[in-house]
Amino acid sequence: MNLTISGHHLAVTPALRNYVTTKLDRITRHFDQVVGIKVLLTVEKQKEKERRQRAECRIHVKGNDMFAESSHEDLYAALDELVDKLDRQVWKHKTRMQDHHHDPQKRLN
């Protein structure tokens, strides 16, 4: 699995990198066919303080790409919200793949 963490108007510190990787471990625990993850952390230059810190993530899994973004005044809270969104998407994708194979109905003669 390839993991890319980058920052826009932000220096990605080792503590921040560690926090992102521990949060994303939850997704890889639920679904082991993750090919690559790209995370972009941004600090926007807005006048208002809330929704200024933004986190985006694109996950490439076998057969699909998923994208989520989250904004908050605290970057760690934005990351928590982002991982929750991605976890729901991955779980939905996994159940779709499992439900695809079902037993055919038996014919009554």
N, C-alpha and C. Protein backbone atom coordinates (compact mmCIF):
# COMPACT_ATOMS: atom_id res chain seq x y z
N MET A 1 0.84 -1.17 0.00
CA MET A 1 0.00 0.00 0.00
C MET A 1 0.89 1.24 0.00
N ASN A 2 0.58 2.16 -0.91
CA ASN A 2 1.30 3.42 -0.98
C ASN A 2 0.53 4.48 -0.20
N LEU A 3 1.22 5.19 0.68
CA LEU A 3 0.61 6.26 1.46
C LEU A 3 1.39 7.54 1.20
N THR A 4 0.69 8.56 0.69
CA THR A 4 1.30 9.86 0.42
C THR A 4 0.57 10.91 1.24
N ILE A 5 1.33 11.62 2.08
CA ILE A 5 0.77 12.69 2.89
C ILE A 5 1.47 13.98 2.50
N SER A 6 0.71 14.96 2.05
CA SER A 6 1.31 16.23 1.65
C SER A 6 0.53 17.39 2.25
N GLY A 7 1.18 18.53 2.35
CA GLY A 7 0.56 19.70 2.94
C GLY A 7 0.60 20.88 1.99
N HIS A 8 -0.43 21.68 2.01
CA HIS A 8 -0.51 22.89 1.19
C HIS A 8 -0.64 24.06 2.16
N HIS A 9 0.32 24.96 2.15
CA HIS A 9 0.43 26.06 3.12
C HIS A 9 0.57 25.50 4.54
N LEU A 10 1.23 24.35 4.65
CA LEU A 10 1.34 23.67 5.93
C LEU A 10 2.55 22.73 5.89
N ALA A 11 3.32 22.73 6.96
CA ALA A 11 4.42 21.78 7.08
C ALA A 11 3.89 20.53 7.79
N VAL A 12 4.09 19.39 7.18
CA VAL A 12 3.60 18.13 7.75
C VAL A 12 4.66 17.66 8.76
N THR A 13 4.34 17.78 10.03
CA THR A 13 5.26 17.40 11.10
C THR A 13 5.20 15.89 11.31
N PRO A 14 6.22 15.32 11.94
CA PRO A 14 6.18 13.88 12.23
C PRO A 14 5.00 13.48 13.12
N ALA A 15 4.61 14.35 14.04
CA ALA A 15 3.46 14.04 14.90
C ALA A 15 2.17 14.00 14.07
N LEU A 16 2.02 14.92 13.14
CA LEU A 16 0.85 14.95 12.28
C LEU A 16 0.84 13.73 11.34
N ARG A 17 2.00 13.39 10.81
CA ARG A 17 2.12 12.21 9.95
C ARG A 17 1.76 10.93 10.72
N ASN A 18 2.22 10.84 11.96
CA ASN A 18 1.91 9.68 12.80
C ASN A 18 0.42 9.60 13.10
N TYR A 19 -0.21 10.75 13.36
CA TYR A 19 -1.65 10.78 13.65
C TYR A 19 -2.45 10.31 12.43
N VAL A 20 -2.06 10.76 11.25
CA VAL A 20 -2.76 10.36 10.02
C VAL A 20 -2.62 8.85 9.78
N THR A 21 -1.42 8.32 9.95
CA THR A 21 -1.22 6.89 9.70
C THR A 21 -1.97 6.03 10.71
N THR A 22 -2.01 6.45 11.98
CA THR A 22 -2.76 5.64 12.96
C THR A 22 -4.25 5.69 12.68
N LYS A 23 -4.76 6.83 12.22
CA LYS A 23 -6.18 6.93 11.89
C LYS A 23 -6.53 6.09 10.66
N LEU A 24 -5.65 6.08 9.67
CA LEU A 24 -5.91 5.33 8.44
C LEU A 24 -5.73 3.83 8.63
N ASP A 25 -5.11 3.42 9.72
CA ASP A 25 -5.00 1.98 10.01
C ASP A 25 -6.37 1.36 10.20
N ARG A 26 -7.33 2.16 10.67
CA ARG A 26 -8.69 1.67 10.87
C ARG A 26 -9.31 1.22 9.55
N ILE A 27 -9.02 1.97 8.50
CA ILE A 27 -9.57 1.63 7.18
C ILE A 27 -8.92 0.37 6.63
N THR A 28 -7.61 0.26 6.78
CA THR A 28 -6.92 -0.93 6.26
C THR A 28 -7.25 -2.17 7.08
N ARG A 29 -7.67 -2.00 8.33
CA ARG A 29 -8.12 -3.14 9.12
C ARG A 29 -9.44 -3.69 8.60
N HIS A 30 -10.32 -2.79 8.15
CA HIS A 30 -11.64 -3.21 7.67
C HIS A 30 -11.58 -3.79 6.26
N PHE A 31 -10.66 -3.29 5.44
CA PHE A 31 -10.59 -3.71 4.04
C PHE A 31 -9.13 -3.81 3.64
N ASP A 32 -8.68 -5.01 3.32
CA ASP A 32 -7.25 -5.21 3.09
C ASP A 32 -6.83 -5.05 1.63
N GLN A 33 -7.74 -4.70 0.73
CA GLN A 33 -7.39 -4.55 -0.69
C GLN A 33 -7.17 -3.10 -1.08
N VAL A 34 -6.60 -2.30 -0.18
CA VAL A 34 -6.30 -0.90 -0.46
C VAL A 34 -4.98 -0.84 -1.21
N VAL A 35 -4.99 -0.20 -2.39
CA VAL A 35 -3.79 -0.10 -3.22
C VAL A 35 -2.99 1.14 -2.86
N GLY A 36 -3.66 2.28 -2.74
CA GLY A 36 -2.95 3.52 -2.45
C GLY A 36 -3.84 4.55 -1.77
N ILE A 37 -3.22 5.39 -0.94
CA ILE A 37 -3.93 6.46 -0.25
C ILE A 37 -3.14 7.75 -0.42
N LYS A 38 -3.84 8.81 -0.84
CA LYS A 38 -3.23 10.13 -0.95
C LYS A 38 -3.98 11.10 -0.04
N VAL A 39 -3.27 11.74 0.87
CA VAL A 39 -3.88 12.67 1.82
C VAL A 39 -3.30 14.06 1.56
N LEU A 40 -4.17 15.06 1.47
CA LEU A 40 -3.76 16.44 1.29
C LEU A 40 -4.32 17.26 2.44
N LEU A 41 -3.42 17.89 3.19
CA LEU A 41 -3.80 18.74 4.32
C LEU A 41 -3.58 20.18 3.92
N THR A 42 -4.59 21.03 4.12
CA THR A 42 -4.54 22.41 3.64
C THR A 42 -4.97 23.38 4.73
N VAL A 43 -4.30 24.51 4.79
CA VAL A 43 -4.74 25.63 5.61
C VAL A 43 -5.14 26.73 4.65
N GLU A 44 -6.43 27.07 4.64
CA GLU A 44 -6.92 28.07 3.70
C GLU A 44 -6.82 29.46 4.30
N LYS A 45 -6.62 30.43 3.47
CA LYS A 45 -6.44 31.82 3.90
C LYS A 45 -7.78 32.56 3.91
N GLN A 46 -8.68 32.12 4.75
CA GLN A 46 -9.98 32.75 4.84
C GLN A 46 -10.00 33.72 6.03
N LYS A 47 -10.89 34.68 5.97
CA LYS A 47 -11.02 35.62 7.07
C LYS A 47 -11.68 34.97 8.27
N GLU A 48 -12.65 34.09 8.00
CA GLU A 48 -13.33 33.43 9.11
C GLU A 48 -12.48 32.28 9.63
N LYS A 49 -12.49 32.08 10.92
CA LYS A 49 -11.64 31.07 11.54
C LYS A 49 -12.18 29.64 11.36
N GLU A 50 -13.50 29.49 11.40
CA GLU A 50 -14.04 28.14 11.31
C GLU A 50 -13.97 27.64 9.87
N ARG A 51 -13.85 26.34 9.74
CA ARG A 51 -13.75 25.67 8.43
C ARG A 51 -12.49 26.10 7.67
N ARG A 52 -11.45 26.43 8.38
CA ARG A 52 -10.23 26.90 7.74
C ARG A 52 -9.26 25.76 7.46
N GLN A 53 -9.19 24.80 8.36
CA GLN A 53 -8.31 23.64 8.20
C GLN A 53 -9.05 22.60 7.37
N ARG A 54 -8.42 22.10 6.32
CA ARG A 54 -9.10 21.16 5.42
C ARG A 54 -8.25 19.92 5.20
N ALA A 55 -8.90 18.78 5.17
CA ALA A 55 -8.24 17.51 4.90
C ALA A 55 -8.98 16.81 3.76
N GLU A 56 -8.23 16.34 2.78
CA GLU A 56 -8.79 15.60 1.65
C GLU A 56 -8.06 14.27 1.54
N CYS A 57 -8.77 13.26 1.09
CA CYS A 57 -8.14 11.96 0.94
C CYS A 57 -8.75 11.23 -0.26
N ARG A 58 -7.90 10.60 -1.04
CA ARG A 58 -8.32 9.77 -2.17
C ARG A 58 -7.75 8.37 -1.92
N ILE A 59 -8.65 7.40 -1.91
CA ILE A 59 -8.25 6.01 -1.68
C ILE A 59 -8.49 5.22 -2.96
N HIS A 60 -7.48 4.51 -3.38
CA HIS A 60 -7.62 3.63 -4.55
C HIS A 60 -7.67 2.20 -4.03
N VAL A 61 -8.82 1.56 -4.22
CA VAL A 61 -8.98 0.16 -3.84
C VAL A 61 -9.17 -0.65 -5.10
N LYS A 62 -9.13 -1.94 -4.95
CA LYS A 62 -9.28 -2.81 -6.11
C LYS A 62 -10.67 -2.62 -6.71
N GLY A 63 -10.73 -2.02 -7.89
CA GLY A 63 -11.98 -1.85 -8.60
C GLY A 63 -12.68 -0.52 -8.40
N ASN A 64 -12.15 0.39 -7.56
CA ASN A 64 -12.87 1.62 -7.30
C ASN A 64 -11.92 2.68 -6.71
N ASP A 65 -12.31 3.94 -6.85
CA ASP A 65 -11.64 5.05 -6.20
C ASP A 65 -12.65 5.75 -5.30
N MET A 66 -12.19 6.15 -4.12
CA MET A 66 -13.06 6.85 -3.18
C MET A 66 -12.42 8.17 -2.78
N PHE A 67 -13.25 9.19 -2.60
CA PHE A 67 -12.75 10.51 -2.24
C PHE A 67 -13.62 11.09 -1.14
N ALA A 68 -12.97 11.76 -0.19
CA ALA A 68 -13.70 12.45 0.87
C ALA A 68 -12.90 13.68 1.28
N GLU A 69 -13.62 14.68 1.78
CA GLU A 69 -12.96 15.88 2.29
C GLU A 69 -13.71 16.37 3.51
N SER A 70 -12.98 17.09 4.35
CA SER A 70 -13.58 17.60 5.57
C SER A 70 -12.89 18.91 5.95
N SER A 71 -13.67 19.85 6.48
CA SER A 71 -13.14 21.14 6.92
C SER A 71 -13.56 21.38 8.36
N HIS A 72 -12.65 21.98 9.12
CA HIS A 72 -12.92 22.27 10.52
C HIS A 72 -11.94 23.34 10.97
N GLU A 73 -12.18 23.92 12.13
CA GLU A 73 -11.23 24.91 12.63
C GLU A 73 -9.99 24.25 13.23
N ASP A 74 -10.08 22.97 13.58
CA ASP A 74 -8.94 22.21 14.09
C ASP A 74 -8.61 21.11 13.09
N LEU A 75 -7.35 20.98 12.73
CA LEU A 75 -6.94 20.01 11.71
C LEU A 75 -7.15 18.58 12.19
N TYR A 76 -6.92 18.33 13.47
CA TYR A 76 -7.12 16.97 14.00
C TYR A 76 -8.60 16.58 13.97
N ALA A 77 -9.48 17.52 14.25
CA ALA A 77 -10.92 17.24 14.16
C ALA A 77 -11.33 17.00 12.72
N ALA A 78 -10.73 17.74 11.79
CA ALA A 78 -11.02 17.53 10.36
C ALA A 78 -10.56 16.14 9.93
N LEU A 79 -9.42 15.69 10.44
CA LEU A 79 -8.94 14.35 10.11
C LEU A 79 -9.85 13.27 10.69
N ASP A 80 -10.34 13.48 11.91
CA ASP A 80 -11.26 12.51 12.51
C ASP A 80 -12.53 12.37 11.68
N GLU A 81 -13.08 13.50 11.27
CA GLU A 81 -14.29 13.50 10.45
C GLU A 81 -14.04 12.86 9.09
N LEU A 82 -12.88 13.13 8.52
CA LEU A 82 -12.49 12.56 7.22
C LEU A 82 -12.41 11.04 7.29
N VAL A 83 -11.77 10.52 8.32
CA VAL A 83 -11.61 9.07 8.45
C VAL A 83 -12.97 8.41 8.67
N ASP A 84 -13.87 9.07 9.40
CA ASP A 84 -15.22 8.52 9.57
C ASP A 84 -15.94 8.40 8.23
N LYS A 85 -15.83 9.43 7.40
CA LYS A 85 -16.47 9.40 6.08
C LYS A 85 -15.88 8.30 5.21
N LEU A 86 -14.55 8.19 5.21
CA LEU A 86 -13.91 7.17 4.39
C LEU A 86 -14.24 5.76 4.88
N ASP A 87 -14.31 5.60 6.19
CA ASP A 87 -14.63 4.30 6.75
C ASP A 87 -16.02 3.85 6.30
N ARG A 88 -16.98 4.77 6.28
CA ARG A 88 -18.33 4.43 5.80
C ARG A 88 -18.30 4.04 4.33
N GLN A 89 -17.52 4.76 3.52
CA GLN A 89 -17.44 4.45 2.09
C GLN A 89 -16.80 3.09 1.86
N VAL A 90 -15.72 2.81 2.57
CA VAL A 90 -15.03 1.53 2.41
C VAL A 90 -15.92 0.38 2.87
N TRP A 91 -16.62 0.58 3.97
CA TRP A 91 -17.52 -0.46 4.48
C TRP A 91 -18.63 -0.74 3.48
N LYS A 92 -19.18 0.31 2.88
CA LYS A 92 -20.24 0.15 1.89
C LYS A 92 -19.71 -0.59 0.65
N HIS A 93 -18.51 -0.25 0.21
CA HIS A 93 -17.90 -0.91 -0.94
C HIS A 93 -17.65 -2.39 -0.64
N LYS A 94 -17.20 -2.67 0.56
CA LYS A 94 -16.90 -4.05 0.93
C LYS A 94 -18.18 -4.89 0.98
N THR A 95 -19.26 -4.33 1.54
CA THR A 95 -20.51 -5.09 1.59
C THR A 95 -21.11 -5.27 0.21
N ARG A 96 -20.92 -4.30 -0.67
CA ARG A 96 -21.39 -4.46 -2.05
C ARG A 96 -20.67 -5.60 -2.74
N MET A 97 -19.38 -5.68 -2.52
CA MET A 97 -18.60 -6.74 -3.16
C MET A 97 -18.99 -8.11 -2.60
N GLN A 98 -19.27 -8.19 -1.30
CA GLN A 98 -19.64 -9.47 -0.69
C GLN A 98 -21.06 -9.88 -1.07
N ASP A 99 -21.98 -8.93 -1.18
CA ASP A 99 -23.37 -9.25 -1.51
C ASP A 99 -23.56 -9.57 -2.98
N HIS A 100 -22.57 -9.31 -3.79
CA HIS A 100 -22.67 -9.53 -5.22
C HIS A 100 -22.82 -11.02 -5.54
N HIS A 101 -22.17 -11.85 -4.76
CA HIS A 101 -22.22 -13.29 -5.01
C HIS A 101 -23.26 -13.90 -4.08
N HIS A 102 -24.40 -14.29 -4.65
CA HIS A 102 -25.46 -14.90 -3.86
C HIS A 102 -25.88 -16.21 -4.52
N ASP A 103 -26.53 -17.03 -3.78
CA ASP A 103 -27.00 -18.30 -4.31
C ASP A 103 -28.21 -18.10 -5.20
N PRO A 104 -28.24 -18.75 -6.34
CA PRO A 104 -29.44 -18.64 -7.20
C PRO A 104 -30.63 -19.32 -6.55
N GLN A 105 -31.81 -18.86 -6.85
CA GLN A 105 -33.03 -19.46 -6.27
C GLN A 105 -33.27 -20.83 -6.89
N LYS A 106 -33.79 -21.70 -6.07
CA LYS A 106 -34.08 -23.04 -6.55
C LYS A 106 -35.42 -23.02 -7.29
N ARG A 107 -35.47 -23.74 -8.38
CA ARG A 107 -36.70 -23.81 -9.16
C ARG A 107 -37.58 -24.93 -8.62
N LEU A 108 -38.85 -24.62 -8.53
CA LEU A 108 -39.81 -25.63 -8.08
C LEU A 108 -40.52 -26.21 -9.30
N ASN A 109 -40.56 -27.51 -9.41
CA ASN A 109 -41.24 -28.16 -10.55
C ASN A 109 -42.57 -28.69 -10.16
